[in-house]
Amino acid sequence: MSEYQYYEFRALDRRLTAEQQQRLRSLSSRAEISATRFTNEYSYGDFRGDPGRLLEEYFDAYLYAANWGTRELAFRLPRALLDAQTAQRYCAEEHRAWVTQTAEHVIVRFRWDDDEGDDWIEGDGLLDPLLATRGELATGDLRLLYLGWLLKVQLGELDEDDEDDEDLADEAEPPVPAGLRELSDSLASIAEFLKIDDDLIAVAAKASAPLVSVSDDGIADWVTALSASEKDKFLTMVAEGEGAQVEALLVRRFRRESRPAGTTPASTGRTAGELLAAAEARRAAREQAEARAKEEARARRAAEQAAAYERHLQNLTGRKEETWQQVAELTVFSKPKEYDQATQLLRDLHVIAEREDGITAFTARVRELRTRYAKRPSLMDRLDKAGLP
């Protein structure tokens, strides 16, 4: 299997200048580069750039996928929209889910490595459905960070060579944000992209409060009440090309001030080890339930088929001679399809004969058929495999 790597970067808050695009071009002559996007695919060779450096200097989102099982995702947010200390409570361990900082930004990164090394994936189009989560995070939704912590727990526990496994099992769960039971489409896509265990998410979500929707009704009056100096600051930011950041800042602050009491992330006292054990128990119960459902469905199909076959036999019972005539017509010509149909009818007649204590007469008619077509090995073979006398 050939190698495949896909890199995609997005500039969301500010478009790249012509000079910046030219500097990026020096990293790859094959990349697709625009004012908002940098993409490249490799079937051989490697990207000469440093993704972390590009995130720090140019881009707000990054996705990487390789067919040997590595997947990466990262978002860069202005410090005003994401507190680094808060992010590090969830994503502190490098290589799985971690945080880096620049003078102006906080970057959260996630990485999945599949030891099986067989993960064929086409990168184009993967990043688009994930981007909305950056906006959710910018307005104070911490579910992405919590999923990053679960990813760390999941991969750390599965790494048998990790000397810190025991410490990981005892690691206290960070505050659980609301809405884990109702992930947005974008968050669900991220969980799928990073292969975060559904059972682990489900048991974690038991401690997650329902997502409280804060209506934006009234935001116009709220903005009107802001001080003149604040309005001037936000207008200046918009004029300098930071309109998206201003929107996130205003919505984040309005929702925080409008949020009902009791909707902040909750501390549970659970540990990573307890969550993993609960996820394993849920997985076992789910698989048992699925196995039972599968067996029940198989039994229903078998019963339906048996009932249908019984109706078929009852129909044949009243027209046995007509069925023997049909067998005779099907065996006149040496055609495999007709032989198969004749053999099936003979099986049916055999069952009826056994029920009516007429097996002697049935055997005599089959042997007569065998004598007549003894030089047709294809037909004889079918009769033998059907167990007909």
Protein backbone atom coordinates (compact mmCIF):
# COMPACT_ATOMS: atom_id res chain seq x y z
CA MET A 1 0.00 0.00 0.00
CA SER A 2 1.41 3.38 -0.98
CA GLU A 3 1.85 6.18 1.54
CA TYR A 4 -0.60 9.05 1.69
CA GLN A 5 -0.40 12.28 3.69
CA TYR A 6 -2.77 15.22 3.66
CA TYR A 7 -2.16 18.68 5.13
CA GLU A 8 -4.71 21.48 5.32
CA PHE A 9 -4.46 24.88 7.00
CA ARG A 10 -7.15 27.57 7.19
CA ALA A 11 -6.95 31.30 7.89
CA LEU A 12 -10.29 32.25 9.42
CA ASP A 13 -9.88 35.50 11.33
CA ARG A 14 -7.67 37.29 8.80
CA ARG A 15 -6.85 36.66 5.17
CA LEU A 16 -3.25 36.00 4.20
CA THR A 17 -1.42 38.80 2.47
CA ALA A 18 0.29 38.31 -0.90
CA GLU A 19 3.65 38.41 0.89
CA GLN A 20 2.59 35.71 3.33
CA GLN A 21 1.34 33.52 0.49
CA GLN A 22 4.68 33.92 -1.27
CA ARG A 23 6.56 32.84 1.84
CA LEU A 24 4.32 29.77 2.09
CA ARG A 25 4.99 28.96 -1.54
CA SER A 26 8.67 28.51 -0.68
CA LEU A 27 7.66 25.51 1.45
CA SER A 28 5.97 23.65 -1.40
CA SER A 29 5.73 24.15 -5.13
CA ARG A 30 2.79 21.73 -5.33
CA ALA A 31 0.54 23.12 -2.58
CA GLU A 32 -2.75 24.87 -3.30
CA ILE A 33 -2.43 28.29 -1.67
CA SER A 34 -4.99 31.07 -1.38
CA ALA A 35 -5.68 33.95 0.98
CA THR A 36 -7.55 31.57 3.30
CA ARG A 37 -6.24 28.08 2.63
CA PHE A 38 -3.10 25.96 2.24
CA THR A 39 -3.47 22.30 1.23
CA ASN A 40 -1.07 19.64 0.06
CA GLU A 41 -1.14 15.90 -0.55
CA TYR A 42 1.84 13.55 -0.62
CA SER A 43 2.04 10.05 -2.03
CA TYR A 44 5.76 10.07 -1.35
CA GLY A 45 8.08 12.48 0.40
CA ASP A 46 7.25 14.82 3.30
CA PHE A 47 6.16 18.37 3.92
CA ARG A 48 9.12 20.67 4.53
CA GLY A 49 7.22 23.03 6.79
CA ASP A 50 6.61 22.85 10.53
CA PRO A 51 2.82 22.69 11.15
CA GLY A 52 3.20 24.11 14.63
CA ARG A 53 5.14 27.10 13.31
CA LEU A 54 2.59 27.71 10.56
CA LEU A 55 -0.22 27.69 13.11
CA GLU A 56 1.61 30.19 15.25
CA GLU A 57 2.32 32.59 12.39
CA TYR A 58 -0.45 32.25 9.80
CA PHE A 59 -3.41 29.94 10.38
CA ASP A 60 -6.36 29.35 12.69
CA ALA A 61 -7.15 25.70 11.89
CA TYR A 62 -5.07 22.69 10.85
CA LEU A 63 -5.84 19.09 9.87
CA TYR A 64 -3.44 16.28 9.04
CA ALA A 65 -4.22 12.70 8.02
CA ALA A 66 -1.93 9.85 6.98
CA ASN A 67 -2.93 6.40 5.86
CA TRP A 68 -0.67 4.73 8.42
CA GLY A 69 -3.09 5.85 11.12
CA THR A 70 -2.03 9.30 12.30
CA ARG A 71 -4.61 12.08 12.51
CA GLU A 72 -4.13 15.60 13.85
CA LEU A 73 -6.41 18.56 14.42
CA ALA A 74 -5.63 22.00 15.83
CA PHE A 75 -7.33 25.35 16.37
CA ARG A 76 -5.72 28.70 17.12
CA LEU A 77 -7.74 31.30 19.03
CA PRO A 78 -6.91 34.78 20.27
CA ARG A 79 -6.06 34.90 23.98
CA ALA A 80 -9.12 37.07 24.55
CA LEU A 81 -11.31 34.14 23.44
CA LEU A 82 -9.57 31.21 25.13
CA ASP A 83 -7.86 31.23 28.49
CA ALA A 84 -4.69 29.16 28.30
CA GLN A 85 -4.90 28.05 31.93
CA THR A 86 -8.45 26.80 31.42
CA ALA A 87 -7.43 24.92 28.27
CA GLN A 88 -4.49 23.31 30.06
CA ARG A 89 -6.79 21.87 32.72
CA TYR A 90 -8.12 19.60 29.97
CA CYS A 91 -5.31 19.36 27.44
CA ALA A 92 -2.00 19.38 29.28
CA GLU A 93 -0.25 16.25 27.97
CA GLU A 94 1.67 16.65 24.75
CA HIS A 95 1.30 14.14 21.90
CA ARG A 96 -2.37 13.43 22.60
CA ALA A 97 -4.15 16.67 23.47
CA TRP A 98 -2.10 19.71 24.36
CA VAL A 99 -1.88 23.50 24.40
CA THR A 100 0.77 25.86 23.06
CA GLN A 101 0.85 29.62 23.30
CA THR A 102 2.15 32.66 21.47
CA ALA A 103 2.07 36.28 22.52
CA GLU A 104 -1.37 36.69 20.96
CA HIS A 105 -2.89 33.20 20.63
CA VAL A 106 -3.66 29.94 22.37
CA ILE A 107 -3.44 26.80 20.22
CA VAL A 108 -5.13 23.50 21.13
CA ARG A 109 -3.91 20.41 19.30
CA PHE A 110 -5.13 16.81 19.17
CA ARG A 111 -3.46 13.70 17.78
CA TRP A 112 -4.54 10.11 17.20
CA ASP A 113 -2.13 7.31 16.30
CA ASP A 114 -3.43 3.95 15.11
CA ASP A 115 -0.98 1.13 15.82
CA GLU A 116 -2.66 -1.04 13.18
CA GLY A 117 -1.28 1.22 10.46
CA ASP A 118 -4.15 0.65 8.05
CA ASP A 119 -6.28 3.77 7.92
CA TRP A 120 -6.88 4.77 4.33
CA ILE A 121 -8.45 8.19 4.31
CA GLU A 122 -9.04 10.96 1.78
CA GLY A 123 -8.25 14.31 3.32
CA ASP A 124 -10.09 16.70 1.03
CA GLY A 125 -13.30 17.89 2.68
CA LEU A 126 -12.49 16.55 6.16
CA LEU A 127 -11.82 19.91 7.78
CA ASP A 128 -14.93 21.79 6.64
CA PRO A 129 -17.45 20.06 8.98
CA LEU A 130 -15.06 20.47 11.94
CA LEU A 131 -14.58 24.21 11.74
CA ALA A 132 -17.79 25.20 13.54
CA THR A 133 -16.34 23.81 16.78
CA ARG A 134 -13.73 26.58 16.79
CA GLY A 135 -16.55 29.10 16.91
CA GLU A 136 -18.22 27.16 19.72
CA LEU A 137 -14.98 27.16 21.69
CA ALA A 138 -14.54 30.89 21.05
CA THR A 139 -17.91 31.61 22.67
CA GLY A 140 -17.05 29.63 25.81
CA ASP A 141 -18.16 26.07 24.95
CA LEU A 142 -15.57 23.79 26.60
CA ARG A 143 -16.82 20.48 25.22
CA LEU A 144 -13.98 20.25 22.68
CA LEU A 145 -11.42 20.58 25.48
CA TYR A 146 -13.17 17.88 27.48
CA LEU A 147 -13.17 15.55 24.47
CA GLY A 148 -9.43 16.24 24.25
CA TRP A 149 -9.07 15.05 27.84
CA LEU A 150 -11.02 11.88 27.02
CA LEU A 151 -8.72 11.31 24.04
CA LYS A 152 -5.72 11.57 26.37
CA VAL A 153 -7.33 9.10 28.77
CA GLN A 154 -8.21 6.68 26.00
CA LEU A 155 -4.83 6.64 24.30
CA GLY A 156 -2.85 6.74 27.51
CA GLU A 157 -4.65 3.72 28.94
CA LEU A 158 -4.24 1.75 25.75
CA ASP A 159 -0.48 2.41 25.59
CA GLU A 160 0.88 -0.60 27.46
CA ASP A 161 4.42 0.76 27.42
CA ASP A 162 3.43 3.99 29.16
CA GLU A 163 5.04 3.96 32.60
CA ASP A 164 2.51 6.55 33.77
CA ASP A 165 -0.55 4.34 33.20
CA GLU A 166 -1.15 4.00 36.95
CA ASP A 167 -0.96 7.77 37.40
CA LEU A 168 -3.32 8.22 34.48
CA ALA A 169 -5.88 5.88 36.06
CA ASP A 170 -5.87 8.04 39.20
CA GLU A 171 -6.04 11.35 37.34
CA ALA A 172 -8.98 13.41 38.49
CA GLU A 173 -11.58 14.33 35.91
CA PRO A 174 -11.66 18.04 35.06
CA PRO A 175 -14.96 19.97 35.28
CA VAL A 176 -17.55 18.40 32.99
CA PRO A 177 -19.15 20.90 30.59
CA ALA A 178 -22.84 20.81 29.80
CA GLY A 179 -24.12 19.28 26.57
CA LEU A 180 -22.00 16.12 26.24
CA ARG A 181 -25.18 14.12 25.64
CA GLU A 182 -26.07 16.31 22.68
CA LEU A 183 -22.88 17.01 20.76
CA SER A 184 -23.15 19.42 17.87
CA ASP A 185 -22.65 17.97 14.41
CA SER A 186 -19.18 19.51 14.33
CA LEU A 187 -18.16 18.07 17.71
CA ALA A 188 -19.55 14.66 16.75
CA SER A 189 -17.48 14.80 13.55
CA ILE A 190 -14.38 15.64 15.57
CA ALA A 191 -15.02 12.73 17.94
CA GLU A 192 -15.31 10.47 14.90
CA PHE A 193 -12.21 11.92 13.23
CA LEU A 194 -10.12 11.42 16.38
CA LYS A 195 -11.74 8.02 17.04
CA ILE A 196 -12.79 8.88 20.56
CA ASP A 197 -14.59 5.89 22.04
CA ASP A 198 -18.39 6.31 21.95
CA ASP A 199 -18.79 4.32 25.16
CA LEU A 200 -16.27 6.54 26.96
CA ILE A 201 -18.14 9.65 25.82
CA ALA A 202 -21.47 8.13 26.91
CA VAL A 203 -20.37 7.29 30.46
CA ALA A 204 -18.70 10.69 30.82
CA ALA A 205 -21.88 12.40 29.63
CA LYS A 206 -23.86 11.01 32.57
CA ALA A 207 -22.39 13.80 34.69
CA SER A 208 -23.01 16.46 32.05
CA ALA A 209 -25.91 18.85 32.54
CA PRO A 210 -28.29 19.45 29.64
CA LEU A 211 -27.16 22.13 27.25
CA VAL A 212 -28.96 25.35 28.08
CA SER A 213 -29.65 27.39 24.99
CA VAL A 214 -29.07 31.06 25.66
CA SER A 215 -31.17 33.15 23.32
CA ASP A 216 -29.48 36.04 21.58
CA ASP A 217 -32.71 38.02 21.84
CA GLY A 218 -31.89 41.26 23.58
CA ILE A 219 -28.30 41.47 22.41
CA ALA A 220 -29.02 44.74 20.59
CA ASP A 221 -30.18 46.39 23.81
CA TRP A 222 -27.20 44.88 25.63
CA VAL A 223 -24.75 46.31 23.07
CA THR A 224 -26.45 49.71 23.33
CA ALA A 225 -25.74 49.70 27.05
CA LEU A 226 -21.99 49.18 26.58
CA SER A 227 -19.78 52.11 27.37
CA ALA A 228 -18.63 54.40 24.56
CA SER A 229 -15.01 53.40 25.12
CA GLU A 230 -15.88 49.70 24.71
CA LYS A 231 -17.81 50.38 21.53
CA ASP A 232 -14.91 52.40 20.14
CA LYS A 233 -12.53 49.56 20.92
CA PHE A 234 -14.70 47.00 19.17
CA LEU A 235 -15.25 49.25 16.14
CA THR A 236 -11.50 49.78 15.83
CA MET A 237 -10.95 46.02 15.91
CA VAL A 238 -13.51 45.58 13.13
CA ALA A 239 -11.80 48.25 11.03
CA GLU A 240 -8.49 46.45 11.52
CA GLY A 241 -9.92 43.19 10.14
CA GLU A 242 -10.82 41.53 13.43
CA GLY A 243 -14.56 41.42 12.88
CA ALA A 244 -14.85 37.69 13.56
CA GLN A 245 -13.06 38.10 16.88
CA VAL A 246 -15.31 40.99 17.86
CA GLU A 247 -18.40 38.90 17.11
CA ALA A 248 -17.11 36.04 19.27
CA LEU A 249 -16.15 38.41 22.09
CA LEU A 250 -19.55 40.08 22.16
CA VAL A 251 -21.55 36.84 21.91
CA ARG A 252 -19.35 35.16 24.53
CA ARG A 253 -19.74 38.01 26.98
CA PHE A 254 -23.47 38.43 26.35
CA ARG A 255 -24.14 34.73 26.86
CA ARG A 256 -21.97 34.58 29.96
CA GLU A 257 -23.84 37.46 31.53
CA SER A 258 -27.21 36.01 30.44
CA ARG A 259 -26.49 32.42 31.38
CA PRO A 260 -28.78 30.90 34.01
CA ALA A 261 -27.19 29.83 37.29
CA GLY A 262 -25.93 26.25 37.51
CA THR A 263 -24.74 25.95 33.93
CA THR A 264 -21.01 26.17 34.59
CA PRO A 265 -18.88 23.00 34.18
CA ALA A 266 -19.36 20.62 37.11
CA SER A 267 -16.71 18.81 39.15
CA THR A 268 -17.54 15.15 39.76
CA GLY A 269 -14.69 13.57 41.70
CA ARG A 270 -14.43 10.78 39.13
CA THR A 271 -11.06 9.52 37.91
CA ALA A 272 -9.82 8.48 34.50
CA GLY A 273 -9.64 4.87 35.67
CA GLU A 274 -13.26 4.90 36.84
CA LEU A 275 -14.40 6.29 33.49
CA LEU A 276 -12.44 3.65 31.58
CA ALA A 277 -13.90 0.88 33.73
CA ALA A 278 -17.42 2.26 33.26
CA ALA A 279 -16.86 2.52 29.50
CA GLU A 280 -15.70 -1.10 29.37
CA ALA A 281 -18.73 -2.25 31.34
CA ARG A 282 -21.03 -0.28 29.04
CA ARG A 283 -19.31 -1.73 25.98
CA ALA A 284 -19.74 -5.28 27.30
CA ALA A 285 -23.42 -4.69 28.09
CA ARG A 286 -24.00 -3.07 24.70
CA GLU A 287 -22.30 -5.91 22.84
CA GLN A 288 -24.35 -8.48 24.78
CA ALA A 289 -27.54 -6.60 23.96
CA GLU A 290 -26.53 -6.37 20.31
CA ALA A 291 -25.75 -10.11 20.26
CA ARG A 292 -29.15 -10.89 21.81
CA ALA A 293 -30.90 -8.64 19.32
CA LYS A 294 -29.00 -10.27 16.47
CA GLU A 295 -29.93 -13.76 17.69
CA GLU A 296 -33.56 -12.75 18.16
CA ALA A 297 -33.64 -11.32 14.64
CA ARG A 298 -32.07 -14.52 13.30
CA ALA A 299 -34.66 -16.61 15.15
CA ARG A 300 -37.49 -14.46 13.78
CA ARG A 301 -36.18 -14.81 10.24
CA ALA A 302 -35.84 -18.57 10.69
CA ALA A 303 -39.41 -18.81 12.03
CA GLU A 304 -40.74 -16.71 9.16
CA GLN A 305 -38.87 -18.84 6.64
CA ALA A 306 -40.14 -22.05 8.27
CA ALA A 307 -43.71 -20.76 8.20
CA ALA A 308 -43.36 -19.73 4.55
CA TYR A 309 -41.92 -23.15 3.67
CA GLU A 310 -44.75 -24.87 5.49
CA ARG A 311 -47.28 -22.88 3.46
CA HIS A 312 -45.38 -23.86 0.32
CA LEU A 313 -45.50 -27.57 1.25
CA GLN A 314 -49.20 -27.38 2.01
CA ASN A 315 -49.77 -25.90 -1.41
CA LEU A 316 -47.75 -28.68 -3.08
CA THR A 317 -49.52 -31.41 -1.11
CA GLY A 318 -52.74 -30.84 -3.03
CA ARG A 319 -51.03 -31.02 -6.42
CA LYS A 320 -48.32 -33.68 -6.12
CA GLU A 321 -48.89 -35.14 -9.58
CA GLU A 322 -48.76 -31.70 -11.13
CA THR A 323 -45.44 -31.17 -9.35
CA TRP A 324 -44.03 -34.51 -10.63
CA GLN A 325 -45.01 -33.42 -14.13
CA GLN A 326 -43.16 -30.17 -13.60
CA VAL A 327 -40.05 -32.12 -12.53
CA ALA A 328 -40.30 -34.18 -15.70
CA GLU A 329 -40.52 -31.05 -17.84
CA LEU A 330 -37.54 -29.42 -16.09
CA THR A 331 -35.30 -32.46 -16.61
CA VAL A 332 -35.99 -32.95 -20.31
CA PHE A 333 -33.23 -30.53 -21.33
CA SER A 334 -29.72 -30.41 -19.88
CA LYS A 335 -29.86 -26.94 -18.34
CA PRO A 336 -28.31 -26.19 -14.93
CA LYS A 337 -30.98 -23.70 -13.88
CA GLU A 338 -33.78 -26.15 -14.64
CA TYR A 339 -31.86 -28.94 -12.87
CA ASP A 340 -31.67 -26.76 -9.74
CA GLN A 341 -35.41 -26.08 -9.84
CA ALA A 342 -36.23 -29.78 -10.36
CA THR A 343 -33.97 -30.80 -7.47
CA GLN A 344 -35.66 -28.34 -5.12
CA LEU A 345 -39.11 -29.64 -6.09
CA LEU A 346 -37.91 -33.19 -5.43
CA ARG A 347 -36.71 -32.14 -1.98
CA ASP A 348 -40.18 -30.76 -1.29
CA LEU A 349 -41.88 -33.92 -2.54
CA HIS A 350 -39.51 -35.97 -0.38
CA VAL A 351 -40.63 -34.09 2.76
CA ILE A 352 -44.27 -34.57 1.84
CA ALA A 353 -43.69 -38.29 1.19
CA GLU A 354 -42.11 -38.74 4.62
CA ARG A 355 -45.07 -37.03 6.26
CA GLU A 356 -47.63 -39.14 4.38
CA ASP A 357 -45.77 -42.44 4.77
CA GLY A 358 -45.29 -42.56 1.01
CA ILE A 359 -41.52 -42.81 0.89
CA THR A 360 -41.56 -46.16 -0.98
CA ALA A 361 -43.47 -44.75 -3.93
CA PHE A 362 -41.36 -41.59 -3.89
CA THR A 363 -38.11 -43.59 -3.95
CA ALA A 364 -39.34 -45.67 -6.89
CA ARG A 365 -40.11 -42.57 -8.98
CA VAL A 366 -36.74 -40.95 -8.20
CA ARG A 367 -34.89 -44.15 -9.15
CA GLU A 368 -36.86 -44.25 -12.39
CA LEU A 369 -35.68 -40.69 -13.03
CA ARG A 370 -32.08 -41.70 -12.25
CA THR A 371 -32.29 -44.62 -14.68
CA ARG A 372 -33.70 -42.44 -17.45
CA TYR A 373 -30.96 -39.78 -17.08
CA ALA A 374 -28.08 -41.89 -15.80
CA LYS A 375 -25.75 -40.36 -18.42
CA ARG A 376 -26.33 -36.83 -17.16
CA PRO A 377 -23.68 -36.43 -14.44
CA SER A 378 -24.72 -32.87 -13.65
CA LEU A 379 -28.25 -33.94 -12.72
CA MET A 380 -27.02 -37.03 -10.86
CA ASP A 381 -24.62 -34.90 -8.86
CA ARG A 382 -27.44 -32.58 -7.80
CA LEU A 383 -29.63 -35.48 -6.73
CA ASP A 384 -26.75 -36.98 -4.71
CA LYS A 385 -25.96 -33.70 -2.94
CA ALA A 386 -29.66 -33.29 -2.10
CA GLY A 387 -29.62 -36.73 -0.42
CA LEU A 388 -32.30 -38.09 -2.74
CA PRO A 389 -32.50 -41.89 -3.15
